[in-house]
Structure formats: C-alpha cells, structure tokens
Amino acid sequence: MLGRKVTGDRERETISKAKTFMPAGNGNTVAQDVMIRDGKGPIVWDMSGNEYIDYLLGSGPMVIGHAHPNVVAAVVEQIGRGSTFFAPNDFEVELAEEIVNAVPCAEQVRFLSSGTEATQMAMRVARAYRKREKILKFEGGFHGMNDYSLMSLAPSSPPDFPKPSPDSAGIPHGVQSSVLVAPFNDLETTTAIIDKHHNEIAGVIVEPMQRVIPPKPGFLQGLRDVTLQYEIPLIFDEIVTGFRFAYGGGQEYYGVIPDLCTLGKAVSGGFPMSAVVGRSEMMAHFDSDRVPSDEFMPQVGTLNGNPVAAIAGIETLKVLRQKGTYEKLFQIGQSIKDGFQRLLNEAEIPAKIIGEAPMFDILFTDNEIVDYRSTLTADKGKMVNLNKLLIERGVFKGDVKYYVSTVHTEEHVKQTLDAFESALQQLPG
C-alpha cells in the first residue's frame, strides 16, 4: 500500500545511527528521514515496508527502473566471473563502441567512475588542447563536486558577471582566477564575455538543459557558433541528459553538437561509471603515443571501465534502443506535468513547472524561469513542504527534480496525481 504510514523501530534506530556516524546523517543530499531498502521497477520500499512511487530513481541512473531483469541477470553472471580487473575487458570496448554509435560528438570514449571525475577531466582535456587555463561555466550550472564546478553553483549573493563565487569551503583561492561565469540563456552577455576573454578561455562547459531550465531557442546554437568562431572547445555536460532525452542525448534532442561531452547516470544502469567522449583530436591527450609528452594527460582509476558496470550499461542501452521507448517516456512525463499544472491551477497556487517530460520540477513563483537568478524568486520552503507531504502519501522524490522512468505507467500517473492533489490541500500557504 502506498504511503508512509508506519516507521518501525529498526528504521528509527538506523536513522539515529546515521546521524551519529555520518555527517548530516547521510552520504548524499536527500534529507528525508527515509531508509530505502528495496527497489523494483518504478517502486521503492523503506525499511519499515512502506511503498513509494519513485521519482528520484537514484538521482537519475535508473531510467529503465530498479532491478531490471536483463540488467540483473547479466550483472549476476559477470560477478560470478569477477567484478573488476584493472585491465582491459571486452564489455568496456563493446559499451564504448555503442556510445560512439549513439552520441553525435563521440569519436572516442574514456571511462571513469563518477560525474564529478568526468566533468573535471573534460575541462582538463579542453585546457590541454587549447593551451589556455580559464573555463567559462554558467551560473547555477551543476557539474559535480570538483572545485571548478562549485564556482557559482548556487550563490546567495551573486556577483557581477563574469566573476565567480565559490560555493564550498576548502576551495583554493587560485581556482577563482581560472573560472569565468555567464548567465544561462543570455546569449548576448555570454557572447560579450567570450569576445573579451577568448584568448584566455580553454573551454566552455554547459548543461544542455541547466538543472531543469530548458535552453531558449537559439541559445545553444549561438553558443556553438561563438565557440567555433574562436576555436574554443564546447563541452556539454550530459551526465543527466545523456540517453535520457534521446538515444543520442541532449545534443541529439536539441540539435547542437559540442566538441566534448560527459556521460553518466543512465549510461551504466545504476553502477558507478561515467565517461568523457568527444572528437578524436582532443581525446588524443589521453594517449601518450599521440601527443608530445608535455601534452599527455595521465588518467587512471581503479574501477574505470570495470566489467560489471560496463555490462549493466550495455543491457540498459539495449532496452533504451527498443522501438517506442522514448515516445512512452515522454508521454508519461508529459501526463504528470500536465496533471500537476492542472491541479495547481485549480488550487490557485502560483507555480511554474519547468523542464522536459523525462525530467522536470515545480517552482512556486509567478515569474518566468530562464536562468539561475530567476529561480531565486521561487518559494523554496513551499517546495520542501510539498516534498514531505508527497512522501507521506507514497511519492518519493529528491529535493529537486522529478525523474521519470520507462517503467512508470498510467496507473502510476493516476496514483501520483491523487497524492499530489491531497498534498496541495495540506500545503501551508
């Protein structure tokens, strides 16, 4: 039965232990006092047996649902033959080939273990190739937890562009001098920054859809045009959008091809794996035989390309290639979005639902949402309260974003909308 009806003694004890032994009581960012124990398809269960429709999906990786039988069977078989080798294996080669076939900008692939590593390495490739140091990123853009990415991720008092603002303690002051910041969806300001600093810029990194903010028509193409003008590598961070918006990712969906991109989440079916992919001449910096010694980028990782993650990715991509998969994904997501908007309108609650059908969120504001600064007009407290009310009614999501999977059904949509309607009735004004 859906709904958080009971919290058992064992779950309460585990939550208490987490707060004792782990900073903030968790190892990630989902702050709800829920200990998830099991997942199957689009459903998860906590330690007390409460059932939830899952729109967190492991923060996105479970795009074909939890414990997909094809993925499980392949992974179990491989684990019986060895889980990691720190040596080449045929599954990583097969997965790399499929990525090159799928992703427009991909000519070669380098595997890593996390999105943070992938974005850090993509920026390093750009610096090695361009022989410049500065990276231009967009205010509010999330590129993992590396030092460069944590510049102007969520500044409370944003400085004037292009000055960055560190969003974490412990970041060296020198990093600030290596980052420029531009406003997402503002091509005029971004172009002016690039025009002024093009001789210093090693690369430009952007999420094709920034968090849940879609690009304005022409923005990504304009960004592509100005970076081509100055021969600056353009990096799409597709950790989230890769294989989610289309089989070729956000670059296929939006019709703009970068020089490099990062992949993760959906690419490995819930196992730790990410990738940097891109043009062969740039990827050559990973190969000591193809570049001078001072241009070579050594890059190793104990679990990079390990066969368990690789075979999980292979099986996930097989499912995503099936006819009608993306049409269904978009249909289900759009049904939820439309239903949410209808219920918000009926309740006369000012809110914007932003994003694309496979991934979106609600911002409680009347203002148009086009960039990070416009998101600051939203009532965050109301969102927090709504998330708690939804969990009480059996709908599980993270602090931000609804992720939709290929295995959510119209029945799940109906149950979600019923829970949402009930939650709105209890939502404090």
Protein backbone atom coordinates (compact mmCIF):
# COMPACT_ATOMS: atom_id res chain seq x y z
CA MET A 1 0.00 0.00 0.00
CA LEU A 2 1.33 3.47 -0.89
CA GLY A 3 2.00 5.99 1.82
CA ARG A 4 4.36 6.41 4.72
CA LYS A 5 2.06 5.01 7.38
CA VAL A 6 4.49 3.46 9.86
CA THR A 7 8.11 3.92 10.85
CA GLY A 8 9.35 0.78 12.53
CA ASP A 9 11.78 0.60 15.44
CA ARG A 10 14.58 -0.74 13.26
CA GLU A 11 14.29 2.08 10.75
CA ARG A 12 14.19 4.69 13.54
CA GLU A 13 17.29 3.11 15.05
CA THR A 14 19.09 3.17 11.69
CA ILE A 15 18.17 6.83 11.12
CA SER A 16 19.55 7.63 14.58
CA LYS A 17 22.78 5.76 13.86
CA ALA A 18 23.16 7.60 10.56
CA LYS A 19 23.03 10.92 12.37
CA THR A 20 25.69 9.68 14.78
CA PHE A 21 28.13 8.13 12.36
CA MET A 22 27.63 10.18 9.17
CA PRO A 23 27.85 13.97 8.78
CA ALA A 24 24.32 15.34 8.29
CA GLY A 25 23.03 11.79 8.73
CA ASN A 26 23.51 10.75 5.13
CA GLY A 27 26.07 10.26 2.39
CA ASN A 28 24.23 12.36 -0.16
CA THR A 29 21.77 15.23 -0.40
CA VAL A 30 18.33 13.70 0.12
CA ALA A 31 17.50 14.84 3.63
CA GLN A 32 14.23 12.96 4.14
CA ASP A 33 14.20 10.54 7.07
CA VAL A 34 13.60 7.52 4.88
CA MET A 35 15.85 4.47 4.67
CA ILE A 36 15.26 2.80 1.31
CA ARG A 37 15.76 -0.95 1.38
CA ASP A 38 14.39 -2.32 -1.92
CA GLY A 39 13.52 -1.21 -5.42
CA LYS A 40 11.74 -2.89 -8.30
CA GLY A 41 10.71 -1.12 -11.48
CA PRO A 42 9.37 2.33 -10.52
CA ILE A 43 8.69 1.36 -6.88
CA VAL A 44 10.88 1.52 -3.78
CA TRP A 45 10.27 0.30 -0.22
CA ASP A 46 11.75 1.60 3.00
CA MET A 47 12.99 -0.48 5.92
CA SER A 48 9.52 -0.40 7.50
CA GLY A 49 7.87 -1.78 4.38
CA ASN A 50 6.25 1.45 3.21
CA GLU A 51 5.89 1.63 -0.57
CA TYR A 52 6.61 4.63 -2.78
CA ILE A 53 6.38 5.52 -6.45
CA ASP A 54 9.95 6.56 -7.12
CA TYR A 55 10.76 9.79 -8.97
CA LEU A 56 14.26 10.04 -7.53
CA LEU A 57 15.48 6.96 -9.42
CA GLY A 58 18.85 7.02 -7.68
CA SER A 59 19.22 10.65 -8.82
CA GLY A 60 18.59 9.57 -12.38
CA PRO A 61 20.52 6.38 -13.22
CA MET A 62 17.54 4.03 -13.03
CA VAL A 63 15.95 5.28 -16.23
CA ILE A 64 14.68 1.76 -17.03
CA GLY A 65 13.66 1.16 -13.42
CA HIS A 66 15.17 -0.64 -10.47
CA ALA A 67 16.43 -4.20 -10.79
CA HIS A 68 15.57 -4.59 -14.46
CA PRO A 69 15.69 -8.36 -15.08
CA ASN A 70 18.01 -8.08 -18.09
CA VAL A 71 20.49 -5.96 -16.16
CA VAL A 72 20.29 -8.15 -13.06
CA ALA A 73 20.87 -11.38 -15.00
CA ALA A 74 23.87 -10.00 -16.86
CA VAL A 75 25.41 -8.47 -13.73
CA VAL A 76 24.95 -11.60 -11.61
CA GLU A 77 26.58 -13.72 -14.30
CA GLN A 78 29.55 -11.37 -14.56
CA ILE A 79 30.05 -11.02 -10.80
CA GLY A 80 30.43 -14.79 -10.69
CA ARG A 81 33.33 -14.42 -13.11
CA GLY A 82 34.94 -11.41 -11.45
CA SER A 83 33.86 -7.90 -10.56
CA THR A 84 36.88 -5.82 -11.53
CA PHE A 85 40.31 -6.38 -13.09
CA PHE A 86 42.03 -3.00 -13.62
CA ALA A 87 42.75 -4.37 -17.06
CA PRO A 88 41.01 -4.20 -20.45
CA ASN A 89 37.82 -6.23 -20.84
CA ASP A 90 35.56 -6.83 -23.81
CA PHE A 91 32.49 -5.28 -22.18
CA GLU A 92 34.04 -1.83 -21.84
CA VAL A 93 35.03 -2.00 -25.51
CA GLU A 94 31.50 -3.00 -26.52
CA LEU A 95 30.00 -0.19 -24.46
CA ALA A 96 32.45 2.35 -25.89
CA GLU A 97 31.52 1.28 -29.42
CA GLU A 98 27.81 1.68 -28.68
CA ILE A 99 28.37 5.15 -27.20
CA VAL A 100 30.28 6.23 -30.31
CA ASN A 101 27.47 4.91 -32.49
CA ALA A 102 24.85 6.75 -30.43
CA VAL A 103 26.28 10.13 -29.42
CA PRO A 104 26.87 12.63 -32.25
CA CYS A 105 30.07 14.20 -30.87
CA ALA A 106 31.63 10.92 -29.75
CA GLU A 107 34.59 9.62 -31.75
CA GLN A 108 36.38 8.12 -28.74
CA VAL A 109 35.47 7.29 -25.14
CA ARG A 110 37.33 7.41 -21.83
CA PHE A 111 35.62 5.74 -18.86
CA LEU A 112 35.69 7.00 -15.27
CA SER A 113 33.65 6.26 -12.16
CA SER A 114 31.65 9.42 -11.38
CA GLY A 115 30.19 12.51 -12.94
CA THR A 116 32.49 14.70 -10.87
CA GLU A 117 35.53 12.96 -12.35
CA ALA A 118 34.12 13.17 -15.86
CA THR A 119 33.49 16.92 -15.81
CA GLN A 120 36.84 17.58 -14.19
CA MET A 121 38.58 15.51 -16.87
CA ALA A 122 36.63 17.12 -19.71
CA MET A 123 37.76 20.55 -18.55
CA ARG A 124 41.32 19.27 -18.32
CA VAL A 125 41.12 17.97 -21.89
CA ALA A 126 39.99 21.41 -23.04
CA ARG A 127 42.88 23.09 -21.23
CA ALA A 128 45.41 20.64 -22.67
CA TYR A 129 44.05 21.02 -26.18
CA ARG A 130 43.55 24.77 -26.17
CA LYS A 131 46.67 25.56 -24.09
CA ARG A 132 44.70 28.06 -22.04
CA GLU A 133 43.58 27.92 -18.40
CA LYS A 134 40.20 29.58 -17.92
CA ILE A 135 36.92 27.71 -18.04
CA LEU A 136 33.66 29.50 -18.71
CA LYS A 137 30.67 27.96 -16.95
CA PHE A 138 27.12 29.14 -16.32
CA GLU A 139 25.75 30.45 -13.06
CA GLY A 140 23.67 27.75 -11.40
CA GLY A 141 25.12 25.02 -13.61
CA PHE A 142 25.87 21.78 -11.78
CA HIS A 143 28.90 19.82 -12.89
CA GLY A 144 29.59 17.62 -9.88
CA MET A 145 31.71 18.30 -6.82
CA ASN A 146 35.08 19.27 -8.25
CA ASP A 147 36.50 22.69 -7.36
CA TYR A 148 35.80 24.32 -10.73
CA SER A 149 32.22 23.08 -10.77
CA LEU A 150 31.49 24.54 -7.35
CA MET A 151 32.06 28.05 -8.60
CA SER A 152 28.75 29.96 -8.73
CA LEU A 153 26.66 26.81 -8.37
CA ALA A 154 24.17 28.45 -6.02
CA PRO A 155 25.43 31.84 -4.88
CA SER A 156 23.21 33.57 -2.35
CA SER A 157 24.53 36.99 -3.39
CA PRO A 158 25.62 36.57 -7.00
CA PRO A 159 28.46 38.88 -8.05
CA ASP A 160 28.55 40.70 -11.37
CA PHE A 161 29.37 38.56 -14.39
CA PRO A 162 31.86 37.10 -15.16
CA LYS A 163 33.20 37.00 -11.58
CA PRO A 164 32.77 33.58 -9.91
CA SER A 165 31.68 32.92 -6.34
CA PRO A 166 32.89 29.77 -4.51
CA ASP A 167 30.05 27.69 -3.07
CA SER A 168 32.08 25.48 -0.77
CA ALA A 169 34.67 25.82 1.92
CA GLY A 170 38.06 24.38 1.14
CA ILE A 171 38.38 25.57 -2.47
CA PRO A 172 41.77 27.17 -3.23
CA HIS A 173 41.56 30.88 -3.97
CA GLY A 174 43.51 30.26 -7.17
CA VAL A 175 40.58 28.39 -8.67
CA GLN A 176 38.56 31.60 -8.77
CA SER A 177 41.05 33.16 -11.14
CA SER A 178 40.57 30.22 -13.54
CA VAL A 179 36.78 30.41 -13.90
CA LEU A 180 34.52 32.84 -15.72
CA VAL A 181 30.76 32.80 -15.15
CA ALA A 182 27.98 33.71 -17.58
CA PRO A 183 24.17 33.75 -17.31
CA PHE A 184 22.39 30.75 -18.85
CA ASN A 185 20.04 31.62 -21.72
CA ASP A 186 21.58 35.09 -22.13
CA LEU A 187 23.45 34.78 -25.40
CA GLU A 188 24.24 38.48 -25.67
CA THR A 189 26.04 38.65 -22.30
CA THR A 190 27.73 35.30 -22.83
CA THR A 191 28.99 36.31 -26.26
CA ALA A 192 30.34 39.58 -24.86
CA ILE A 193 32.27 37.69 -22.17
CA ILE A 194 33.72 35.29 -24.73
CA ASP A 195 34.58 38.13 -27.10
CA LYS A 196 36.50 39.88 -24.33
CA HIS A 197 38.27 36.83 -22.87
CA HIS A 198 38.59 34.46 -25.84
CA ASN A 199 42.39 34.45 -25.70
CA GLU A 200 42.23 33.19 -22.08
CA ILE A 201 39.42 30.64 -22.37
CA ALA A 202 40.30 26.95 -22.59
CA GLY A 203 36.73 25.71 -22.86
CA VAL A 204 33.06 26.41 -22.22
CA ILE A 205 31.05 23.89 -20.21
CA VAL A 206 27.26 23.86 -20.12
CA GLU A 207 24.37 21.55 -19.33
CA PRO A 208 22.17 21.46 -22.47
CA MET A 209 19.27 21.82 -20.04
CA GLN A 210 20.60 23.55 -16.94
CA ARG A 211 19.24 21.60 -14.00
CA VAL A 212 15.57 21.85 -15.08
CA ILE A 213 15.80 25.06 -17.11
CA PRO A 214 15.45 24.38 -20.85
CA PRO A 215 17.56 26.39 -23.27
CA LYS A 216 15.82 29.21 -25.10
CA PRO A 217 15.50 28.64 -28.86
CA GLY A 218 18.83 29.54 -30.45
CA PHE A 219 20.83 29.74 -27.22
CA LEU A 220 22.80 26.51 -27.61
CA GLN A 221 23.33 27.10 -31.32
CA GLY A 222 24.53 30.63 -30.63
CA LEU A 223 26.93 29.25 -28.03
CA ARG A 224 28.16 26.72 -30.58
CA ASP A 225 28.67 29.45 -33.16
CA VAL A 226 30.72 31.77 -30.94
CA THR A 227 32.92 28.95 -29.62
CA LEU A 228 33.58 27.79 -33.18
CA GLN A 229 34.46 31.35 -34.15
CA TYR A 230 37.27 31.41 -31.59
CA GLU A 231 38.09 27.66 -31.82
CA ILE A 232 37.18 27.17 -28.16
CA PRO A 233 36.12 23.63 -27.19
CA LEU A 234 32.45 23.42 -26.24
CA ILE A 235 31.67 20.82 -23.56
CA PHE A 236 28.15 19.55 -22.99
CA ASP A 237 27.71 18.09 -19.52
CA GLU A 238 25.29 15.28 -20.36
CA ILE A 239 25.65 13.32 -17.13
CA VAL A 240 21.90 13.86 -16.72
CA THR A 241 20.59 14.37 -20.26
CA GLY A 242 22.66 11.66 -21.94
CA PHE A 243 20.47 8.74 -23.11
CA ARG A 244 17.52 10.38 -21.28
CA PHE A 245 16.18 12.97 -23.72
CA ALA A 246 17.05 10.86 -26.76
CA TYR A 247 19.31 7.93 -27.54
CA GLY A 248 21.89 10.48 -28.69
CA GLY A 249 21.29 12.60 -25.60
CA GLY A 250 20.63 16.32 -25.29
CA GLN A 251 22.78 17.09 -28.32
CA GLU A 252 20.50 14.96 -30.49
CA TYR A 253 17.37 16.31 -28.83
CA TYR A 254 18.35 19.97 -29.18
CA GLY A 255 20.22 19.54 -32.45
CA VAL A 256 23.54 21.11 -31.38
CA ILE A 257 26.78 19.12 -31.39
CA PRO A 258 29.61 20.01 -28.96
CA ASP A 259 33.28 19.03 -29.15
CA LEU A 260 33.28 17.04 -25.90
CA CYS A 261 30.62 15.72 -23.59
CA THR A 262 30.36 13.90 -20.31
CA LEU A 263 28.07 10.95 -19.72
CA GLY A 264 26.91 9.12 -16.59
CA LYS A 265 23.80 8.01 -14.73
CA ALA A 266 21.76 6.28 -17.46
CA VAL A 267 24.86 5.02 -19.26
CA SER A 268 25.62 2.32 -16.67
CA GLY A 269 22.30 1.14 -15.30
CA GLY A 270 22.87 2.16 -11.68
CA PHE A 271 26.52 1.15 -11.33
CA PRO A 272 29.44 3.55 -10.83
CA MET A 273 30.58 4.59 -14.29
CA SER A 274 30.91 7.81 -16.26
CA ALA A 275 32.64 8.81 -19.46
CA VAL A 276 34.29 11.64 -21.32
CA VAL A 277 33.65 11.40 -25.04
CA GLY A 278 34.45 13.64 -27.95
CA ARG A 279 36.49 14.45 -31.01
CA SER A 280 39.46 12.18 -31.58
CA GLU A 281 41.97 15.04 -31.82
CA MET A 282 41.00 16.18 -28.32
CA MET A 283 40.74 12.70 -26.82
CA ALA A 284 44.31 12.13 -28.08
CA HIS A 285 45.55 13.84 -24.91
CA PHE A 286 44.75 10.61 -23.05
CA ASP A 287 47.17 8.71 -25.36
CA SER A 288 50.90 9.19 -24.79
CA ASP A 289 51.64 7.82 -28.25
CA ARG A 290 49.60 10.52 -29.98
CA VAL A 291 50.73 13.74 -28.30
CA PRO A 292 54.03 15.24 -27.09
CA SER A 293 54.96 14.29 -23.53
CA ASP A 294 54.07 17.74 -22.16
CA GLU A 295 50.57 17.47 -23.64
CA PHE A 296 49.80 13.98 -22.31
CA MET A 297 47.11 13.61 -19.62
CA PRO A 298 47.62 10.55 -17.40
CA GLN A 299 44.27 9.34 -16.14
CA VAL A 300 43.69 6.10 -14.25
CA GLY A 301 41.08 4.86 -11.80
CA THR A 302 40.76 1.54 -10.01
CA LEU A 303 37.19 0.92 -11.16
CA ASN A 304 37.23 2.70 -14.52
CA GLY A 305 35.50 0.59 -17.18
CA ASN A 306 35.02 -2.34 -14.83
CA PRO A 307 33.06 -5.18 -16.43
CA VAL A 308 30.09 -5.14 -14.05
CA ALA A 309 29.27 -1.50 -14.72
CA ALA A 310 30.02 -1.91 -18.41
CA ILE A 311 27.69 -4.87 -18.89
CA ALA A 312 24.97 -3.10 -16.90
CA GLY A 313 25.35 -0.20 -19.31
CA ILE A 314 25.20 -2.47 -22.34
CA GLU A 315 21.96 -4.07 -21.15
CA THR A 316 20.44 -0.69 -20.23
CA LEU A 317 21.16 0.71 -23.66
CA LYS A 318 19.63 -2.38 -25.29
CA VAL A 319 16.37 -1.59 -23.50
CA LEU A 320 16.54 2.09 -24.46
CA ARG A 321 17.02 1.14 -28.12
CA GLN A 322 13.72 -0.72 -28.24
CA LYS A 323 11.10 0.82 -30.50
CA GLY A 324 8.79 3.29 -28.82
CA THR A 325 10.83 3.61 -25.62
CA TYR A 326 11.39 7.35 -25.76
CA GLU A 327 7.88 8.06 -27.03
CA LYS A 328 6.49 6.31 -23.95
CA LEU A 329 8.94 8.05 -21.63
CA PHE A 330 7.90 11.45 -22.92
CA GLN A 331 4.19 10.58 -22.87
CA ILE A 332 4.25 9.52 -19.22
CA GLY A 333 6.31 12.50 -18.16
CA GLN A 334 4.07 14.93 -20.03
CA SER A 335 0.98 13.39 -18.42
CA ILE A 336 2.44 14.05 -14.98
CA LYS A 337 3.48 17.59 -15.88
CA ASP A 338 0.06 18.42 -17.33
CA GLY A 339 -1.71 16.90 -14.35
CA PHE A 340 0.40 18.84 -11.87
CA GLN A 341 -0.25 22.11 -13.70
CA ARG A 342 -3.99 21.47 -13.83
CA LEU A 343 -4.13 20.77 -10.09
CA LEU A 344 -2.01 23.81 -9.25
CA ASN A 345 -4.28 25.99 -11.37
CA GLU A 346 -7.40 24.59 -9.74
CA ALA A 347 -5.89 25.25 -6.30
CA GLU A 348 -4.95 28.76 -7.45
CA ILE A 349 -1.36 28.25 -6.34
CA PRO A 350 1.17 30.25 -8.38
CA ALA A 351 3.78 27.85 -9.74
CA LYS A 352 5.82 27.03 -12.81
CA ILE A 353 6.55 23.50 -13.98
CA ILE A 354 9.83 23.66 -15.84
CA GLY A 355 11.95 21.10 -17.63
CA GLU A 356 11.34 18.43 -20.24
CA ALA A 357 8.96 15.50 -19.91
CA PRO A 358 11.59 12.97 -18.71
CA MET A 359 12.87 15.36 -16.02
CA PHE A 360 11.24 18.44 -14.51
CA ASP A 361 10.31 20.21 -11.29
CA ILE A 362 7.91 22.69 -9.75
CA LEU A 363 8.95 26.19 -8.73
CA PHE A 364 6.50 28.19 -6.66
CA THR A 365 6.69 31.55 -8.39
CA ASP A 366 4.78 33.70 -10.87
CA ASN A 367 7.96 34.74 -12.64
CA GLU A 368 9.33 33.30 -15.86
CA ILE A 369 12.23 30.94 -15.16
CA VAL A 370 15.08 31.39 -17.61
CA ASP A 371 18.26 31.26 -15.52
CA TYR A 372 19.62 30.75 -12.01
CA ARG A 373 18.73 34.22 -10.76
CA SER A 374 15.12 33.86 -11.78
CA THR A 375 14.90 30.66 -9.70
CA LEU A 376 15.68 32.75 -6.60
CA THR A 377 12.16 34.21 -6.84
CA ALA A 378 10.67 30.80 -6.01
CA ASP A 379 9.40 29.85 -2.55
CA LYS A 380 11.82 27.10 -1.54
CA GLY A 381 10.09 26.48 1.75
CA LYS A 382 6.89 25.58 -0.05
CA MET A 383 8.78 23.09 -2.21
CA VAL A 384 10.30 21.46 0.87
CA ASN A 385 6.88 21.15 2.47
CA LEU A 386 5.38 19.69 -0.69
CA ASN A 387 8.13 17.08 -0.94
CA LYS A 388 7.45 15.98 2.66
CA LEU A 389 3.71 15.78 2.06
CA LEU A 390 4.26 13.71 -1.07
CA ILE A 391 6.49 11.24 0.76
CA GLU A 392 3.78 10.84 3.39
CA ARG A 393 1.46 9.93 0.50
CA GLY A 394 3.78 7.45 -1.18
CA VAL A 395 5.52 9.62 -3.78
CA PHE A 396 9.30 9.68 -3.39
CA LYS A 397 11.48 12.38 -4.92
CA GLY A 398 14.66 14.24 -4.13
CA ASP A 399 14.99 17.83 -3.05
CA VAL A 400 14.83 18.84 -6.71
CA LYS A 401 13.66 17.15 -9.92
CA TYR A 402 11.14 14.52 -10.84
CA TYR A 403 12.91 11.81 -12.86
CA VAL A 404 10.60 9.68 -14.98
CA SER A 405 11.46 6.12 -15.99
CA THR A 406 10.46 3.90 -18.89
CA VAL A 407 8.52 1.67 -16.46
CA HIS A 408 6.23 4.26 -14.90
CA THR A 409 2.70 3.58 -16.15
CA GLU A 410 -0.57 5.46 -16.48
CA GLU A 411 -1.68 3.84 -13.23
CA HIS A 412 1.37 5.31 -11.50
CA VAL A 413 0.48 8.67 -13.03
CA LYS A 414 -3.03 8.44 -11.60
CA GLN A 415 -1.77 7.49 -8.14
CA THR A 416 0.80 10.30 -8.27
CA LEU A 417 -1.79 12.90 -9.22
CA ASP A 418 -4.12 11.69 -6.46
CA ALA A 419 -1.28 12.06 -3.94
CA PHE A 420 -0.38 15.45 -5.36
CA GLU A 421 -3.94 16.73 -5.09
CA SER A 422 -4.14 15.58 -1.49
CA ALA A 423 -0.77 17.16 -0.70
CA LEU A 424 -1.83 20.51 -2.15
CA GLN A 425 -4.84 20.55 0.16
CA GLN A 426 -2.48 20.36 3.17
CA LEU A 427 0.23 22.64 1.76
CA PRO A 428 0.75 25.67 4.01
CA GLY A 429 0.05 28.97 2.29
